[in-house]
Amino acid sequence: MNFPIKVGDWVIATRDLIHMRIKKGMVGRVLEMGIDGISIEFVDDVGGHGCGGKGKYGHCWWWFNPIYLKKISKKEAVLYAL
C-alpha cells in the first residue's frame, strides 16, 4: 500500500475512533510501515501494544487506514501534545 507518510513522521488523528481509545487531536510518530498498515507510537497511552519493543508499551497501535491521519511537523506535534 502506498501511504503519504513514512517512518519517523509525526501524525495527528483527524477523528475519534470509537472502537479504539484514539481521539481526534492525538499525536504520534510512525514507527513501522507494512503492506497493510502503519505502526504508530502515540504520545498518550491508547491501551495498545509496544511494537515489539520499538515503542512505549500501551502507546502503540497498528493503523490500517491512513485517511484519518494527517502528517504534521515535530514542532506541531509538541504543541498538540501539550
N, C-alpha and C. Protein backbone atom coordinates (compact mmCIF):
# COMPACT_ATOMS: atom_id res chain seq x y z
N MET A 1 0.85 -1.18 0.00
CA MET A 1 0.00 0.00 0.00
C MET A 1 0.89 1.24 0.00
N ASN A 2 0.53 2.26 -0.72
CA ASN A 2 1.33 3.48 -0.83
C ASN A 2 0.74 4.55 0.09
N PHE A 3 1.41 4.80 1.22
CA PHE A 3 0.94 5.78 2.18
C PHE A 3 1.63 7.12 1.97
N PRO A 4 0.98 8.22 2.29
CA PRO A 4 1.57 9.54 2.11
C PRO A 4 2.55 9.93 3.22
N ILE A 5 2.80 9.02 4.15
CA ILE A 5 3.72 9.30 5.25
C ILE A 5 4.78 8.20 5.29
N LYS A 6 5.84 8.45 6.07
CA LYS A 6 6.93 7.47 6.15
C LYS A 6 7.39 7.31 7.61
N VAL A 7 8.20 6.31 7.85
CA VAL A 7 8.75 6.05 9.18
C VAL A 7 9.44 7.31 9.70
N GLY A 8 9.15 7.67 10.95
CA GLY A 8 9.73 8.84 11.58
C GLY A 8 8.86 10.08 11.51
N ASP A 9 7.86 10.07 10.62
CA ASP A 9 6.95 11.22 10.51
C ASP A 9 6.06 11.31 11.75
N TRP A 10 5.68 12.53 12.08
CA TRP A 10 4.70 12.79 13.14
C TRP A 10 3.34 12.94 12.48
N VAL A 11 2.31 12.38 13.12
CA VAL A 11 0.95 12.43 12.58
C VAL A 11 -0.04 12.81 13.68
N ILE A 12 -1.20 13.27 13.24
CA ILE A 12 -2.29 13.59 14.16
C ILE A 12 -3.55 12.86 13.69
N ALA A 13 -4.31 12.32 14.64
CA ALA A 13 -5.59 11.68 14.31
C ALA A 13 -6.60 12.78 13.99
N THR A 14 -7.29 12.65 12.86
CA THR A 14 -8.22 13.67 12.42
C THR A 14 -9.66 13.39 12.82
N ARG A 15 -9.89 12.29 13.54
CA ARG A 15 -11.23 11.99 14.06
C ARG A 15 -11.13 10.99 15.19
N ASP A 16 -12.18 10.93 16.01
CA ASP A 16 -12.27 9.92 17.06
C ASP A 16 -12.50 8.57 16.41
N LEU A 17 -11.90 7.55 16.97
CA LEU A 17 -12.16 6.19 16.53
C LEU A 17 -12.83 5.47 17.69
N ILE A 18 -14.12 5.30 17.58
CA ILE A 18 -14.98 4.80 18.66
C ILE A 18 -14.49 3.46 19.21
N HIS A 19 -14.09 2.55 18.33
CA HIS A 19 -13.68 1.22 18.78
C HIS A 19 -12.27 1.20 19.38
N MET A 20 -11.60 2.35 19.38
CA MET A 20 -10.27 2.45 19.97
C MET A 20 -10.28 3.60 20.98
N ARG A 21 -9.20 3.73 21.71
CA ARG A 21 -9.08 4.85 22.65
C ARG A 21 -8.38 6.04 22.00
N ILE A 22 -8.36 6.06 20.70
CA ILE A 22 -7.69 7.14 19.97
C ILE A 22 -8.72 8.23 19.67
N LYS A 23 -8.39 9.44 20.08
CA LYS A 23 -9.30 10.58 19.92
C LYS A 23 -8.72 11.59 18.94
N LYS A 24 -9.60 12.35 18.32
CA LYS A 24 -9.19 13.41 17.41
C LYS A 24 -8.20 14.33 18.13
N GLY A 25 -7.09 14.64 17.46
CA GLY A 25 -6.09 15.52 18.04
C GLY A 25 -4.92 14.81 18.70
N MET A 26 -5.02 13.49 18.90
CA MET A 26 -3.90 12.75 19.48
C MET A 26 -2.77 12.68 18.45
N VAL A 27 -1.55 12.83 18.93
CA VAL A 27 -0.39 12.81 18.03
C VAL A 27 0.50 11.61 18.32
N GLY A 28 1.21 11.21 17.28
CA GLY A 28 2.13 10.09 17.41
C GLY A 28 3.17 10.12 16.32
N ARG A 29 4.11 9.19 16.45
CA ARG A 29 5.21 9.08 15.50
C ARG A 29 5.14 7.72 14.82
N VAL A 30 5.34 7.70 13.51
CA VAL A 30 5.30 6.46 12.73
C VAL A 30 6.56 5.65 13.03
N LEU A 31 6.35 4.39 13.48
CA LEU A 31 7.47 3.51 13.80
C LEU A 31 7.78 2.51 12.70
N GLU A 32 6.73 2.01 12.05
CA GLU A 32 6.90 0.98 11.03
C GLU A 32 5.86 1.17 9.93
N MET A 33 6.22 0.73 8.74
CA MET A 33 5.30 0.71 7.62
C MET A 33 5.19 -0.74 7.16
N GLY A 34 3.97 -1.17 6.91
CA GLY A 34 3.77 -2.54 6.43
C GLY A 34 2.95 -2.54 5.16
N ILE A 35 2.73 -3.71 4.65
CA ILE A 35 1.94 -3.85 3.42
C ILE A 35 0.52 -3.37 3.63
N ASP A 36 -0.04 -3.61 4.81
CA ASP A 36 -1.44 -3.28 5.04
C ASP A 36 -1.67 -2.28 6.18
N GLY A 37 -0.63 -1.59 6.62
CA GLY A 37 -0.86 -0.63 7.69
C GLY A 37 0.39 0.07 8.17
N ILE A 38 0.19 0.89 9.20
CA ILE A 38 1.23 1.73 9.77
C ILE A 38 1.23 1.53 11.28
N SER A 39 2.40 1.37 11.86
CA SER A 39 2.53 1.25 13.30
C SER A 39 2.88 2.63 13.86
N ILE A 40 2.05 3.11 14.79
CA ILE A 40 2.22 4.46 15.34
C ILE A 40 2.38 4.38 16.85
N GLU A 41 3.37 5.13 17.36
CA GLU A 41 3.52 5.28 18.80
C GLU A 41 2.94 6.64 19.18
N PHE A 42 1.81 6.63 19.88
CA PHE A 42 1.15 7.86 20.30
C PHE A 42 1.80 8.43 21.56
N VAL A 43 1.70 9.71 21.74
CA VAL A 43 2.21 10.38 22.94
C VAL A 43 1.43 9.87 24.15
N ASP A 44 0.13 9.72 24.00
CA ASP A 44 -0.74 9.24 25.09
C ASP A 44 -0.87 7.72 25.05
N ASP A 45 -1.16 7.14 26.20
CA ASP A 45 -1.46 5.72 26.29
C ASP A 45 -2.80 5.47 25.62
N VAL A 46 -2.82 4.59 24.63
CA VAL A 46 -4.06 4.28 23.90
C VAL A 46 -4.51 2.85 24.17
N GLY A 47 -3.91 2.23 25.19
CA GLY A 47 -4.28 0.86 25.53
C GLY A 47 -3.83 -0.14 24.48
N GLY A 48 -2.76 0.19 23.81
CA GLY A 48 -2.26 -0.66 22.73
C GLY A 48 -1.11 -1.56 23.15
N HIS A 49 -0.16 -1.70 22.25
CA HIS A 49 0.99 -2.57 22.46
C HIS A 49 2.27 -1.75 22.44
N GLY A 50 3.41 -2.39 22.31
CA GLY A 50 4.68 -1.68 22.31
C GLY A 50 5.48 -1.86 21.03
N CYS A 51 4.84 -2.32 19.97
CA CYS A 51 5.51 -2.53 18.68
C CYS A 51 6.74 -3.41 18.82
N GLY A 52 6.60 -4.48 19.55
CA GLY A 52 7.71 -5.41 19.69
C GLY A 52 8.95 -4.80 20.32
N GLY A 53 8.74 -3.85 21.24
CA GLY A 53 9.85 -3.21 21.92
C GLY A 53 10.35 -1.94 21.24
N LYS A 54 9.78 -1.59 20.09
CA LYS A 54 10.22 -0.38 19.38
C LYS A 54 9.60 0.88 19.95
N GLY A 55 8.49 0.74 20.68
CA GLY A 55 7.81 1.88 21.26
C GLY A 55 7.45 1.63 22.71
N LYS A 56 6.88 2.63 23.34
CA LYS A 56 6.47 2.53 24.74
C LYS A 56 5.20 1.67 24.83
N TYR A 57 5.22 0.67 25.72
CA TYR A 57 4.08 -0.24 25.83
C TYR A 57 2.80 0.53 26.18
N GLY A 58 1.74 0.21 25.47
CA GLY A 58 0.43 0.84 25.67
C GLY A 58 0.21 2.04 24.76
N HIS A 59 1.27 2.55 24.16
CA HIS A 59 1.18 3.76 23.33
C HIS A 59 1.14 3.46 21.83
N CYS A 60 1.32 2.22 21.45
CA CYS A 60 1.39 1.88 20.03
C CYS A 60 0.11 1.24 19.52
N TRP A 61 -0.16 1.52 18.25
CA TRP A 61 -1.34 0.96 17.59
C TRP A 61 -1.03 0.74 16.12
N TRP A 62 -1.54 -0.36 15.58
CA TRP A 62 -1.39 -0.66 14.16
C TRP A 62 -2.57 -0.02 13.43
N TRP A 63 -2.28 0.90 12.54
CA TRP A 63 -3.30 1.71 11.87
C TRP A 63 -3.45 1.23 10.44
N PHE A 64 -4.65 0.79 10.07
CA PHE A 64 -4.87 0.20 8.75
C PHE A 64 -5.27 1.21 7.67
N ASN A 65 -5.86 2.32 8.07
CA ASN A 65 -6.35 3.26 7.07
C ASN A 65 -5.83 4.66 7.34
N PRO A 66 -4.91 5.15 6.51
CA PRO A 66 -4.29 6.44 6.78
C PRO A 66 -5.17 7.66 6.48
N ILE A 67 -6.41 7.45 6.03
CA ILE A 67 -7.24 8.63 5.70
C ILE A 67 -7.60 9.44 6.94
N TYR A 68 -7.47 8.85 8.13
CA TYR A 68 -7.77 9.59 9.37
C TYR A 68 -6.50 10.05 10.07
N LEU A 69 -5.42 10.13 9.32
CA LEU A 69 -4.15 10.64 9.83
C LEU A 69 -3.71 11.81 8.97
N LYS A 70 -3.09 12.78 9.61
CA LYS A 70 -2.53 13.92 8.88
C LYS A 70 -1.09 14.09 9.33
N LYS A 71 -0.19 14.20 8.37
CA LYS A 71 1.22 14.41 8.67
C LYS A 71 1.39 15.83 9.23
N ILE A 72 2.17 15.95 10.32
CA ILE A 72 2.45 17.25 10.92
C ILE A 72 3.94 17.35 11.21
N SER A 73 4.40 18.55 11.49
CA SER A 73 5.81 18.74 11.83
C SER A 73 6.04 18.33 13.29
N LYS A 74 7.30 18.13 13.65
CA LYS A 74 7.64 17.82 15.05
C LYS A 74 7.23 18.96 15.95
N LYS A 75 7.42 20.19 15.48
CA LYS A 75 7.02 21.38 16.26
C LYS A 75 5.52 21.38 16.53
N GLU A 76 4.72 21.06 15.50
CA GLU A 76 3.27 20.97 15.69
C GLU A 76 2.91 19.86 16.66
N ALA A 77 3.63 18.73 16.57
CA ALA A 77 3.35 17.60 17.45
C ALA A 77 3.55 18.00 18.90
N VAL A 78 4.60 18.74 19.18
CA VAL A 78 4.87 19.20 20.54
C VAL A 78 3.74 20.11 21.02
N LEU A 79 3.28 21.00 20.17
CA LEU A 79 2.19 21.92 20.55
C LEU A 79 0.89 21.17 20.81
N TYR A 80 0.57 20.19 19.96
CA TYR A 80 -0.67 19.43 20.14
C TYR A 80 -0.61 18.57 21.40
N ALA A 81 0.57 18.10 21.73
CA ALA A 81 0.71 17.19 22.88
C ALA A 81 0.64 17.90 24.22
N LEU A 82 0.72 19.22 24.23
CA LEU A 82 0.68 19.98 25.50
C LEU A 82 -0.69 19.93 26.14
